[in-house]
Amino acid sequence: MSTAETVKDFIRIANTAGLAKDVVDLLQAKVTLLADKVTMLEKDNAALTQENTTLSHQNQNLKLENEQLRAQLQNLQPIAGGLHEMGGLLCSLLCSLMGCNPLGKSCS
């Protein structure tokens, strides 16, 4: 390798070294930004995982409560006599308060 070629190589290396340093600096900045983004996303993921766990527990509790309420509803006994008897009692009460038959029927 001649002296001229060596000088040319040194100049090329000097020129590209400056360019390479700028590229390396930019890549380093990009890596830093990406690392910050990854950290933020990991925190968000952890928070969402915790929220998901909490909501899953609440959902399970609501399902159990729903089953219990459905069972209670199935076990309820109807009122003796039903609505017909209640209507008669209401009619009798109205008759005694108003002194007449408001429905035009017998209250018995």
PDB file of N, CA and C in Angstrom:
ATOM      1  N   MET A   1       0.857  -1.165   0.000  1.00  0.00           N
ATOM      2  CA  MET A   1       0.000   0.000   0.000  1.00  0.00           C
ATOM      3  C   MET A   1       0.909   1.236   0.000  1.00  0.00           C
ATOM      4  N   SER A   2       0.606   2.120  -0.895  1.00  0.00           N
ATOM      5  CA  SER A   2       1.440   3.317  -1.021  1.00  0.00           C
ATOM      6  C   SER A   2       1.033   4.355   0.007  1.00  0.00           C
ATOM      7  N   THR A   3       1.881   5.324   0.144  1.00  0.00           N
ATOM      8  CA  THR A   3       1.620   6.405   1.092  1.00  0.00           C
ATOM      9  C   THR A   3       0.355   7.158   0.706  1.00  0.00           C
ATOM     10  N   ALA A   4       0.131   7.377  -0.551  1.00  0.00           N
ATOM     11  CA  ALA A   4      -1.057   8.098  -1.016  1.00  0.00           C
ATOM     12  C   ALA A   4      -2.322   7.310  -0.661  1.00  0.00           C
ATOM     13  N   GLU A   5      -2.241   6.005  -0.874  1.00  0.00           N
ATOM     14  CA  GLU A   5      -3.395   5.175  -0.538  1.00  0.00           C
ATOM     15  C   GLU A   5      -3.641   5.161   0.968  1.00  0.00           C
ATOM     16  N   THR A   6      -2.596   5.129   1.749  1.00  0.00           N
ATOM     17  CA  THR A   6      -2.725   5.152   3.206  1.00  0.00           C
ATOM     18  C   THR A   6      -3.363   6.452   3.665  1.00  0.00           C
ATOM     19  N   VAL A   7      -2.926   7.581   3.091  1.00  0.00           N
ATOM     20  CA  VAL A   7      -3.498   8.882   3.443  1.00  0.00           C
ATOM     21  C   VAL A   7      -4.971   8.917   3.073  1.00  0.00           C
ATOM     22  N   LYS A   8      -5.293   8.398   1.870  1.00  0.00           N
ATOM     23  CA  LYS A   8      -6.689   8.366   1.453  1.00  0.00           C
ATOM     24  C   LYS A   8      -7.532   7.534   2.437  1.00  0.00           C
ATOM     25  N   ASP A   9      -6.968   6.391   2.878  1.00  0.00           N
ATOM     26  CA  ASP A   9      -7.681   5.558   3.847  1.00  0.00           C
ATOM     27  C   ASP A   9      -7.904   6.300   5.174  1.00  0.00           C
ATOM     28  N   PHE A  10      -6.863   7.016   5.616  1.00  0.00           N
ATOM     29  CA  PHE A  10      -7.006   7.784   6.858  1.00  0.00           C
ATOM     30  C   PHE A  10      -8.085   8.862   6.709  1.00  0.00           C
ATOM     31  N   ILE A  11      -8.103   9.531   5.565  1.00  0.00           N
ATOM     32  CA  ILE A  11      -9.126  10.570   5.343  1.00  0.00           C
ATOM     33  C   ILE A  11     -10.516   9.943   5.300  1.00  0.00           C
ATOM     34  N   ARG A  12     -10.629   8.820   4.589  1.00  0.00           N
ATOM     35  CA  ARG A  12     -11.935   8.134   4.523  1.00  0.00           C
ATOM     36  C   ARG A  12     -12.386   7.696   5.914  1.00  0.00           C
ATOM     37  N   ILE A  13     -11.480   7.118   6.685  1.00  0.00           N
ATOM     38  CA  ILE A  13     -11.809   6.676   8.048  1.00  0.00           C
ATOM     39  C   ILE A  13     -12.204   7.867   8.908  1.00  0.00           C
ATOM     40  N   ALA A  14     -11.469   8.965   8.779  1.00  0.00           N
ATOM     41  CA  ALA A  14     -11.794  10.163   9.562  1.00  0.00           C
ATOM     42  C   ALA A  14     -13.171  10.689   9.190  1.00  0.00           C
ATOM     43  N   ASN A  15     -13.466  10.707   7.897  1.00  0.00           N
ATOM     44  CA  ASN A  15     -14.780  11.196   7.454  1.00  0.00           C
ATOM     45  C   ASN A  15     -15.906  10.275   7.905  1.00  0.00           C
ATOM     46  N   THR A  16     -15.733   8.995   7.702  1.00  0.00           N
ATOM     47  CA  THR A  16     -16.783   8.057   8.088  1.00  0.00           C
ATOM     48  C   THR A  16     -16.849   7.871   9.599  1.00  0.00           C
ATOM     49  N   ALA A  17     -15.755   8.073  10.286  1.00  0.00           N
ATOM     50  CA  ALA A  17     -15.783   7.958  11.749  1.00  0.00           C
ATOM     51  C   ALA A  17     -16.664   9.047  12.328  1.00  0.00           C
ATOM     52  N   GLY A  18     -16.580  10.234  11.795  1.00  0.00           N
ATOM     53  CA  GLY A  18     -17.448  11.309  12.264  1.00  0.00           C
ATOM     54  C   GLY A  18     -18.901  11.004  11.969  1.00  0.00           C
ATOM     55  N   LEU A  19     -19.157  10.489  10.776  1.00  0.00           N
ATOM     56  CA  LEU A  19     -20.504  10.107  10.390  1.00  0.00           C
ATOM     57  C   LEU A  19     -20.982   8.945  11.256  1.00  0.00           C
ATOM     58  N   ALA A  20     -20.125   7.990  11.453  1.00  0.00           N
ATOM     59  CA  ALA A  20     -20.482   6.830  12.264  1.00  0.00           C
ATOM     60  C   ALA A  20     -20.780   7.253  13.695  1.00  0.00           C
ATOM     61  N   LYS A  21     -20.033   8.204  14.229  1.00  0.00           N
ATOM     62  CA  LYS A  21     -20.281   8.668  15.587  1.00  0.00           C
ATOM     63  C   LYS A  21     -21.644   9.332  15.675  1.00  0.00           C
ATOM     64  N   ASP A  22     -22.002  10.127  14.658  1.00  0.00           N
ATOM     65  CA  ASP A  22     -23.326  10.754  14.641  1.00  0.00           C
ATOM     66  C   ASP A  22     -24.428   9.696  14.575  1.00  0.00           C
ATOM     67  N   VAL A  23     -24.209   8.690  13.734  1.00  0.00           N
ATOM     68  CA  VAL A  23     -25.187   7.608  13.607  1.00  0.00           C
ATOM     69  C   VAL A  23     -25.297   6.847  14.918  1.00  0.00           C
ATOM     70  N   VAL A  24     -24.152   6.560  15.527  1.00  0.00           N
ATOM     71  CA  VAL A  24     -24.154   5.852  16.811  1.00  0.00           C
ATOM     72  C   VAL A  24     -24.869   6.680  17.868  1.00  0.00           C
ATOM     73  N   ASP A  25     -24.631   7.981  17.907  1.00  0.00           N
ATOM     74  CA  ASP A  25     -25.305   8.848  18.869  1.00  0.00           C
ATOM     75  C   ASP A  25     -26.813   8.842  18.654  1.00  0.00           C
ATOM     76  N   LEU A  26     -27.234   8.920  17.392  1.00  0.00           N
ATOM     77  CA  LEU A  26     -28.672   8.875  17.092  1.00  0.00           C
ATOM     78  C   LEU A  26     -29.278   7.532  17.479  1.00  0.00           C
ATOM     79  N   LEU A  27     -28.581   6.468  17.176  1.00  0.00           N
ATOM     80  CA  LEU A  27     -29.071   5.144  17.551  1.00  0.00           C
ATOM     81  C   LEU A  27     -29.127   4.979  19.067  1.00  0.00           C
ATOM     82  N   GLN A  28     -28.145   5.548  19.750  1.00  0.00           N
ATOM     83  CA  GLN A  28     -28.139   5.485  21.204  1.00  0.00           C
ATOM     84  C   GLN A  28     -29.348   6.232  21.775  1.00  0.00           C
ATOM     85  N   ALA A  29     -29.647   7.399  21.225  1.00  0.00           N
ATOM     86  CA  ALA A  29     -30.810   8.169  21.659  1.00  0.00           C
ATOM     87  C   ALA A  29     -32.096   7.393  21.384  1.00  0.00           C
ATOM     88  N   LYS A  30     -32.160   6.745  20.223  1.00  0.00           N
ATOM     89  CA  LYS A  30     -33.337   5.954  19.879  1.00  0.00           C
ATOM     90  C   LYS A  30     -33.500   4.774  20.824  1.00  0.00           C
ATOM     91  N   VAL A  31     -32.388   4.114  21.149  1.00  0.00           N
ATOM     92  CA  VAL A  31     -32.441   2.992  22.087  1.00  0.00           C
ATOM     93  C   VAL A  31     -32.933   3.468  23.449  1.00  0.00           C
ATOM     94  N   THR A  32     -32.473   4.624  23.893  1.00  0.00           N
ATOM     95  CA  THR A  32     -32.913   5.176  25.179  1.00  0.00           C
ATOM     96  C   THR A  32     -34.419   5.438  25.161  1.00  0.00           C
ATOM     97  N   LEU A  33     -34.912   6.043  24.075  1.00  0.00           N
ATOM     98  CA  LEU A  33     -36.352   6.307  23.960  1.00  0.00           C
ATOM     99  C   LEU A  33     -37.157   5.014  23.938  1.00  0.00           C
ATOM    100  N   LEU A  34     -36.659   4.030  23.205  1.00  0.00           N
ATOM    101  CA  LEU A  34     -37.358   2.744  23.148  1.00  0.00           C
ATOM    102  C   LEU A  34     -37.342   2.039  24.503  1.00  0.00           C
ATOM    103  N   ALA A  35     -36.237   2.139  25.228  1.00  0.00           N
ATOM    104  CA  ALA A  35     -36.162   1.531  26.556  1.00  0.00           C
ATOM    105  C   ALA A  35     -37.160   2.196  27.506  1.00  0.00           C
ATOM    106  N   ASP A  36     -37.281   3.523  27.410  1.00  0.00           N
ATOM    107  CA  ASP A  36     -38.277   4.235  28.226  1.00  0.00           C
ATOM    108  C   ASP A  36     -39.688   3.789  27.868  1.00  0.00           C
ATOM    109  N   LYS A  37     -39.934   3.626  26.576  1.00  0.00           N
ATOM    110  CA  LYS A  37     -41.253   3.188  26.107  1.00  0.00           C
ATOM    111  C   LYS A  37     -41.560   1.786  26.620  1.00  0.00           C
ATOM    112  N   VAL A  38     -40.578   0.892  26.564  1.00  0.00           N
ATOM    113  CA  VAL A  38     -40.760  -0.476  27.058  1.00  0.00           C
ATOM    114  C   VAL A  38     -41.077  -0.455  28.552  1.00  0.00           C
ATOM    115  N   THR A  39     -40.354   0.360  29.310  1.00  0.00           N
ATOM    116  CA  THR A  39     -40.600   0.465  30.752  1.00  0.00           C
ATOM    117  C   THR A  39     -42.013   0.956  31.023  1.00  0.00           C
ATOM    118  N   MET A  40     -42.449   1.973  30.275  1.00  0.00           N
ATOM    119  CA  MET A  40     -43.796   2.508  30.448  1.00  0.00           C
ATOM    120  C   MET A  40     -44.844   1.445  30.098  1.00  0.00           C
ATOM    121  N   LEU A  41     -44.626   0.716  29.006  1.00  0.00           N
ATOM    122  CA  LEU A  41     -45.574  -0.320  28.606  1.00  0.00           C
ATOM    123  C   LEU A  41     -45.618  -1.471  29.612  1.00  0.00           C
ATOM    124  N   GLU A  42     -44.482  -1.797  30.205  1.00  0.00           N
ATOM    125  CA  GLU A  42     -44.464  -2.842  31.237  1.00  0.00           C
ATOM    126  C   GLU A  42     -45.257  -2.411  32.459  1.00  0.00           C
ATOM    127  N   LYS A  43     -45.133  -1.131  32.839  1.00  0.00           N
ATOM    128  CA  LYS A  43     -45.915  -0.616  33.972  1.00  0.00           C
ATOM    129  C   LYS A  43     -47.402  -0.643  33.644  1.00  0.00           C
ATOM    130  N   ASP A  44     -47.757  -0.211  32.429  1.00  0.00           N
ATOM    131  CA  ASP A  44     -49.165  -0.239  32.009  1.00  0.00           C
ATOM    132  C   ASP A  44     -49.691  -1.666  32.011  1.00  0.00           C
ATOM    133  N   ASN A  45     -48.879  -2.598  31.519  1.00  0.00           N
ATOM    134  CA  ASN A  45     -49.279  -3.995  31.491  1.00  0.00           C
ATOM    135  C   ASN A  45     -49.512  -4.532  32.903  1.00  0.00           C
ATOM    136  N   ALA A  46     -48.634  -4.174  33.821  1.00  0.00           N
ATOM    137  CA  ALA A  46     -48.790  -4.628  35.212  1.00  0.00           C
ATOM    138  C   ALA A  46     -50.078  -4.066  35.814  1.00  0.00           C
ATOM    139  N   ALA A  47     -50.353  -2.778  35.552  1.00  0.00           N
ATOM    140  CA  ALA A  47     -51.573  -2.157  36.076  1.00  0.00           C
ATOM    141  C   ALA A  47     -52.817  -2.812  35.477  1.00  0.00           C
ATOM    142  N   LEU A  48     -52.787  -3.083  34.178  1.00  0.00           N
ATOM    143  CA  LEU A  48     -53.932  -3.712  33.528  1.00  0.00           C
ATOM    144  C   LEU A  48     -54.115  -5.153  33.990  1.00  0.00           C
ATOM    145  N   THR A  49     -53.021  -5.839  34.247  1.00  0.00           N
ATOM    146  CA  THR A  49     -53.110  -7.202  34.770  1.00  0.00           C
ATOM    147  C   THR A  49     -53.760  -7.200  36.143  1.00  0.00           C
ATOM    148  N   GLN A  50     -53.371  -6.235  36.989  1.00  0.00           N
ATOM    149  CA  GLN A  50     -53.971  -6.121  38.321  1.00  0.00           C
ATOM    150  C   GLN A  50     -55.459  -5.781  38.215  1.00  0.00           C
ATOM    151  N   GLU A  51     -55.796  -4.862  37.327  1.00  0.00           N
ATOM    152  CA  GLU A  51     -57.200  -4.487  37.142  1.00  0.00           C
ATOM    153  C   GLU A  51     -58.008  -5.676  36.630  1.00  0.00           C
ATOM    154  N   ASN A  52     -57.416  -6.445  35.718  1.00  0.00           N
ATOM    155  CA  ASN A  52     -58.089  -7.633  35.199  1.00  0.00           C
ATOM    156  C   ASN A  52     -58.350  -8.635  36.320  1.00  0.00           C
ATOM    157  N   THR A  53     -57.370  -8.837  37.184  1.00  0.00           N
ATOM    158  CA  THR A  53     -57.533  -9.761  38.312  1.00  0.00           C
ATOM    159  C   THR A  53     -58.650  -9.290  39.237  1.00  0.00           C
ATOM    160  N   THR A  54     -58.660  -7.998  39.539  1.00  0.00           N
ATOM    161  CA  THR A  54     -59.687  -7.429  40.402  1.00  0.00           C
ATOM    162  C   THR A  54     -61.072  -7.606  39.782  1.00  0.00           C
ATOM    163  N   LEU A  55     -61.197  -7.294  38.498  1.00  0.00           N
ATOM    164  CA  LEU A  55     -62.488  -7.421  37.822  1.00  0.00           C
ATOM    165  C   LEU A  55     -62.926  -8.876  37.720  1.00  0.00           C
ATOM    166  N   SER A  56     -61.984  -9.788  37.561  1.00  0.00           N
ATOM    167  CA  SER A  56     -62.324 -11.211  37.525  1.00  0.00           C
ATOM    168  C   SER A  56     -62.891 -11.669  38.864  1.00  0.00           C
ATOM    169  N   HIS A  57     -62.276 -11.192  39.960  1.00  0.00           N
ATOM    170  CA  HIS A  57     -62.794 -11.531  41.288  1.00  0.00           C
ATOM    171  C   HIS A  57     -64.188 -10.943  41.487  1.00  0.00           C
ATOM    172  N   GLN A  58     -64.372  -9.691  41.092  1.00  0.00           N
ATOM    173  CA  GLN A  58     -65.688  -9.066  41.221  1.00  0.00           C
ATOM    174  C   GLN A  58     -66.727  -9.818  40.388  1.00  0.00           C
ATOM    175  N   ASN A  59     -66.340 -10.220  39.188  1.00  0.00           N
ATOM    176  CA  ASN A  59     -67.248 -10.967  38.323  1.00  0.00           C
ATOM    177  C   ASN A  59     -67.640 -12.291  38.973  1.00  0.00           C
ATOM    178  N   GLN A  60     -66.664 -12.983  39.538  1.00  0.00           N
ATOM    179  CA  GLN A  60     -66.949 -14.258  40.201  1.00  0.00           C
ATOM    180  C   GLN A  60     -67.884 -14.052  41.386  1.00  0.00           C
ATOM    181  N   ASN A  61     -67.636 -13.008  42.179  1.00  0.00           N
ATOM    182  CA  ASN A  61     -68.500 -12.720  43.322  1.00  0.00           C
ATOM    183  C   ASN A  61     -69.919 -12.393  42.877  1.00  0.00           C
ATOM    184  N   LEU A  62     -70.059 -11.637  41.793  1.00  0.00           N
ATOM    185  CA  LEU A  62     -71.391 -11.289  41.283  1.00  0.00           C
ATOM    186  C   LEU A  62     -72.108 -12.525  40.741  1.00  0.00           C
ATOM    187  N   LYS A  63     -71.367 -13.445  40.132  1.00  0.00           N
ATOM    188  CA  LYS A  63     -71.987 -14.680  39.658  1.00  0.00           C
ATOM    189  C   LYS A  63     -72.518 -15.497  40.834  1.00  0.00           C
ATOM    190  N   LEU A  64     -71.718 -15.572  41.905  1.00  0.00           N
ATOM    191  CA  LEU A  64     -72.170 -16.305  43.095  1.00  0.00           C
ATOM    192  C   LEU A  64     -73.401 -15.646  43.711  1.00  0.00           C
ATOM    193  N   GLU A  65     -73.365 -14.317  43.807  1.00  0.00           N
ATOM    194  CA  GLU A  65     -74.513 -13.591  44.360  1.00  0.00           C
ATOM    195  C   GLU A  65     -75.744 -13.802  43.489  1.00  0.00           C
ATOM    196  N   ASN A  66     -75.563 -13.798  42.183  1.00  0.00           N
ATOM    197  CA  ASN A  66     -76.670 -14.017  41.256  1.00  0.00           C
ATOM    198  C   ASN A  66     -77.273 -15.401  41.474  1.00  0.00           C
ATOM    199  N   GLU A  67     -76.417 -16.411  41.605  1.00  0.00           N
ATOM    200  CA  GLU A  67     -76.911 -17.770  41.857  1.00  0.00           C
ATOM    201  C   GLU A  67     -77.682 -17.848  43.171  1.00  0.00           C
ATOM    202  N   GLN A  68     -77.163 -17.184  44.213  1.00  0.00           N
ATOM    203  CA  GLN A  68     -77.847 -17.194  45.509  1.00  0.00           C
ATOM    204  C   GLN A  68     -79.203 -16.515  45.424  1.00  0.00           C
ATOM    205  N   LEU A  69     -79.263 -15.378  44.740  1.00  0.00           N
ATOM    206  CA  LEU A  69     -80.537 -14.667  44.605  1.00  0.00           C
ATOM    207  C   LEU A  69     -81.542 -15.468  43.783  1.00  0.00           C
ATOM    208  N   ARG A  70     -81.051 -16.147  42.735  1.00  0.00           N
ATOM    209  CA  ARG A  70     -81.948 -16.991  41.936  1.00  0.00           C
ATOM    210  C   ARG A  70     -82.489 -18.147  42.785  1.00  0.00           C
ATOM    211  N   ALA A  71     -81.636 -18.722  43.613  1.00  0.00           N
ATOM    212  CA  ALA A  71     -82.074 -19.816  44.483  1.00  0.00           C
ATOM    213  C   ALA A  71     -83.107 -19.307  45.485  1.00  0.00           C
ATOM    214  N   GLN A  72     -82.875 -18.113  46.055  1.00  0.00           N
ATOM    215  CA  GLN A  72     -83.844 -17.533  46.990  1.00  0.00           C
ATOM    216  C   GLN A  72     -85.169 -17.273  46.289  1.00  0.00           C
ATOM    217  N   LEU A  73     -85.107 -16.792  45.063  1.00  0.00           N
ATOM    218  CA  LEU A  73     -86.319 -16.513  44.302  1.00  0.00           C
ATOM    219  C   LEU A  73     -87.096 -17.794  44.032  1.00  0.00           C
ATOM    220  N   GLN A  74     -86.395 -18.869  43.739  1.00  0.00           N
ATOM    221  CA  GLN A  74     -87.056 -20.153  43.509  1.00  0.00           C
ATOM    222  C   GLN A  74     -87.702 -20.692  44.783  1.00  0.00           C
ATOM    223  N   ASN A  75     -87.115 -20.365  45.938  1.00  0.00           N
ATOM    224  CA  ASN A  75     -87.612 -20.893  47.208  1.00  0.00           C
ATOM    225  C   ASN A  75     -88.717 -20.051  47.825  1.00  0.00           C
ATOM    226  N   LEU A  76     -89.031 -18.905  47.241  1.00  0.00           N
ATOM    227  CA  LEU A  76     -90.085 -18.058  47.807  1.00  0.00           C
ATOM    228  C   LEU A  76     -91.435 -18.754  47.682  1.00  0.00           C
ATOM    229  N   GLN A  77     -92.233 -18.656  48.735  1.00  0.00           N
ATOM    230  CA  GLN A  77     -93.574 -19.225  48.731  1.00  0.00           C
ATOM    231  C   GLN A  77     -94.556 -18.134  48.314  1.00  0.00           C
ATOM    232  N   PRO A  78     -95.516 -18.467  47.475  1.00  0.00           N
ATOM    233  CA  PRO A  78     -96.501 -17.448  47.095  1.00  0.00           C
ATOM    234  C   PRO A  78     -97.344 -17.058  48.297  1.00  0.00           C
ATOM    235  N   ILE A  79     -97.836 -15.831  48.282  1.00  0.00           N
ATOM    236  CA  ILE A  79     -98.702 -15.353  49.365  1.00  0.00           C
ATOM    237  C   ILE A  79     -99.984 -16.170  49.338  1.00  0.00           C
ATOM    238  N   ALA A  80    -100.443 -16.592  50.519  1.00  0.00           N
ATOM    239  CA  ALA A  80    -101.653 -17.412  50.605  1.00  0.00           C
ATOM    240  C   ALA A  80    -102.826 -16.642  50.004  1.00  0.00           C
ATOM    241  N   GLY A  81    -103.518 -17.264  49.073  1.00  0.00           N
ATOM    242  CA  GLY A  81    -104.674 -16.630  48.455  1.00  0.00           C
ATOM    243  C   GLY A  81    -104.314 -15.779  47.252  1.00  0.00           C
ATOM    244  N   GLY A  82    -103.082 -15.368  47.134  1.00  0.00           N
ATOM    245  CA  GLY A  82    -102.636 -14.602  45.989  1.00  0.00           C
ATOM    246  C   GLY A  82    -103.271 -13.226  45.902  1.00  0.00           C
ATOM    247  N   LEU A  83    -103.297 -12.713  44.697  1.00  0.00           N
ATOM    248  CA  LEU A  83    -103.805 -11.364  44.460  1.00  0.00           C
ATOM    249  C   LEU A  83    -105.315 -11.278  44.635  1.00  0.00           C
ATOM    250  N   HIS A  84    -106.021 -12.340  44.360  1.00  0.00           N
ATOM    251  CA  HIS A  84    -107.483 -12.313  44.496  1.00  0.00           C
ATOM    252  C   HIS A  84    -107.881 -11.994  45.929  1.00  0.00           C
ATOM    253  N   GLU A  85    -107.222 -12.645  46.863  1.00  0.00           N
ATOM    254  CA  GLU A  85    -107.514 -12.390  48.278  1.00  0.00           C
ATOM    255  C   GLU A  85    -107.112 -10.966  48.668  1.00  0.00           C
ATOM    256  N   MET A  86    -105.978 -10.506  48.154  1.00  0.00           N
ATOM    257  CA  MET A  86    -105.540  -9.138  48.453  1.00  0.00           C
ATOM    258  C   MET A  86    -106.543  -8.130  47.899  1.00  0.00           C
ATOM    259  N   GLY A  87    -107.088  -8.385  46.695  1.00  0.00           N
ATOM    260  CA  GLY A  87    -108.093  -7.496  46.108  1.00  0.00           C
ATOM    261  C   GLY A  87    -109.332  -7.428  46.982  1.00  0.00           C
ATOM    262  N   GLY A  88    -109.748  -8.582  47.511  1.00  0.00           N
ATOM    263  CA  GLY A  88    -110.923  -8.617  48.397  1.00  0.00           C
ATOM    264  C   GLY A  88    -110.670  -7.822  49.669  1.00  0.00           C
ATOM    265  N   LEU A  89    -109.461  -7.949  50.231  1.00  0.00           N
ATOM    266  CA  LEU A  89    -109.130  -7.193  51.443  1.00  0.00           C
ATOM    267  C   LEU A  89    -109.108  -5.693  51.158  1.00  0.00           C
ATOM    268  N   LEU A  90    -108.581  -5.313  50.039  1.00  0.00           N
ATOM    269  CA  LEU A  90    -108.529  -3.908  49.651  1.00  0.00           C
ATOM    270  C   LEU A  90    -109.941  -3.370  49.438  1.00  0.00           C
ATOM    271  N   CYS A  91    -110.778  -4.133  48.792  1.00  0.00           N
ATOM    272  CA  CYS A  91    -112.172  -3.734  48.551  1.00  0.00           C
ATOM    273  C   CYS A  91    -112.910  -3.560  49.882  1.00  0.00           C
ATOM    274  N   SER A  92    -112.714  -4.504  50.798  1.00  0.00           N
ATOM    275  CA  SER A  92    -113.355  -4.412  52.116  1.00  0.00           C
ATOM    276  C   SER A  92    -112.890  -3.166  52.850  1.00  0.00           C
ATOM    277  N   LEU A  93    -111.601  -2.871  52.758  1.00  0.00           N
ATOM    278  CA  LEU A  93    -111.050  -1.689  53.414  1.00  0.00           C
ATOM    279  C   LEU A  93    -111.668  -0.420  52.828  1.00  0.00           C
ATOM    280  N   LEU A  94    -111.795  -0.369  51.513  1.00  0.00           N
ATOM    281  CA  LEU A  94    -112.401   0.787  50.856  1.00  0.00           C
ATOM    282  C   LEU A  94    -113.868   0.935  51.263  1.00  0.00           C
ATOM    283  N   CYS A  95    -114.576  -0.194  51.325  1.00  0.00           N
ATOM    284  CA  CYS A  95    -115.988  -0.158  51.728  1.00  0.00           C
ATOM    285  C   CYS A  95    -116.137   0.398  53.138  1.00  0.00           C
ATOM    286  N   SER A  96    -115.267  -0.044  54.019  1.00  0.00           N
ATOM    287  CA  SER A  96    -115.399   0.408  55.399  1.00  0.00           C
ATOM    288  C   SER A  96    -115.016   1.881  55.525  1.00  0.00           C
ATOM    289  N   LEU A  97    -114.056   2.343  54.732  1.00  0.00           N
ATOM    290  CA  LEU A  97    -113.642   3.739  54.804  1.00  0.00           C
ATOM    291  C   LEU A  97    -114.636   4.673  54.132  1.00  0.00           C
ATOM    292  N   MET A  98    -115.181   4.262  53.005  1.00  0.00           N
ATOM    293  CA  MET A  98    -116.045   5.134  52.224  1.00  0.00           C
ATOM    294  C   MET A  98    -117.524   4.875  52.484  1.00  0.00           C
ATOM    295  N   GLY A  99    -117.822   3.782  53.097  1.00  0.00           N
ATOM    296  CA  GLY A  99    -119.206   3.480  53.396  1.00  0.00           C
ATOM    297  C   GLY A  99    -119.995   3.052  52.178  1.00  0.00           C
ATOM    298  N   CYS A 100    -119.338   2.608  51.135  1.00  0.00           N
ATOM    299  CA  CYS A 100    -120.034   2.177  49.926  1.00  0.00           C
ATOM    300  C   CYS A 100    -119.200   1.107  49.260  1.00  0.00           C
ATOM    301  N   ASN A 101    -119.668   0.656  48.130  1.00  0.00           N
ATOM    302  CA  ASN A 101    -118.926  -0.310  47.352  1.00  0.00           C
ATOM    303  C   ASN A 101    -118.356   0.409  46.123  1.00  0.00           C
ATOM    304  N   PRO A 102    -117.084   0.800  46.154  1.00  0.00           N
ATOM    305  CA  PRO A 102    -116.509   1.602  45.074  1.00  0.00           C
ATOM    306  C   PRO A 102    -116.398   0.884  43.743  1.00  0.00           C
ATOM    307  N   LEU A 103    -116.364  -0.441  43.778  1.00  0.00           N
ATOM    308  CA  LEU A 103    -116.226  -1.183  42.529  1.00  0.00           C
ATOM    309  C   LEU A 103    -117.560  -1.657  41.993  1.00  0.00           C
ATOM    310  N   GLY A 104    -118.632  -1.422  42.716  1.00  0.00           N
ATOM    311  CA  GLY A 104    -119.961  -1.843  42.281  1.00  0.00           C
ATOM    312  C   GLY A 104    -120.145  -3.345  42.366  1.00  0.00           C
ATOM    313  N   LYS A 105    -119.312  -4.005  43.154  1.00  0.00           N
ATOM    314  CA  LYS A 105    -119.381  -5.455  43.312  1.00  0.00           C
ATOM    315  C   LYS A 105    -119.450  -5.772  44.789  1.00  0.00           C
ATOM    316  N   SER A 106    -119.726  -6.995  45.037  1.00  0.00           N
ATOM    317  CA  SER A 106    -119.704  -7.468  46.405  1.00  0.00           C
ATOM    318  C   SER A 106    -118.257  -7.647  46.820  1.00  0.00           C
ATOM    319  N   CYS A 107    -117.918  -7.235  48.028  1.00  0.00           N
ATOM    320  CA  CYS A 107    -116.540  -7.340  48.511  1.00  0.00           C
ATOM    321  C   CYS A 107    -116.246  -8.673  49.157  1.00  0.00           C
ATOM    322  N   SER A 108    -117.192  -9.600  49.153  1.00  0.00           N
ATOM    323  CA  SER A 108    -116.934 -10.879  49.810  1.00  0.00           C
ATOM    324  C   SER A 108    -116.144 -11.804  48.942  1.00  0.00           C
TER     325      SER A 108
END
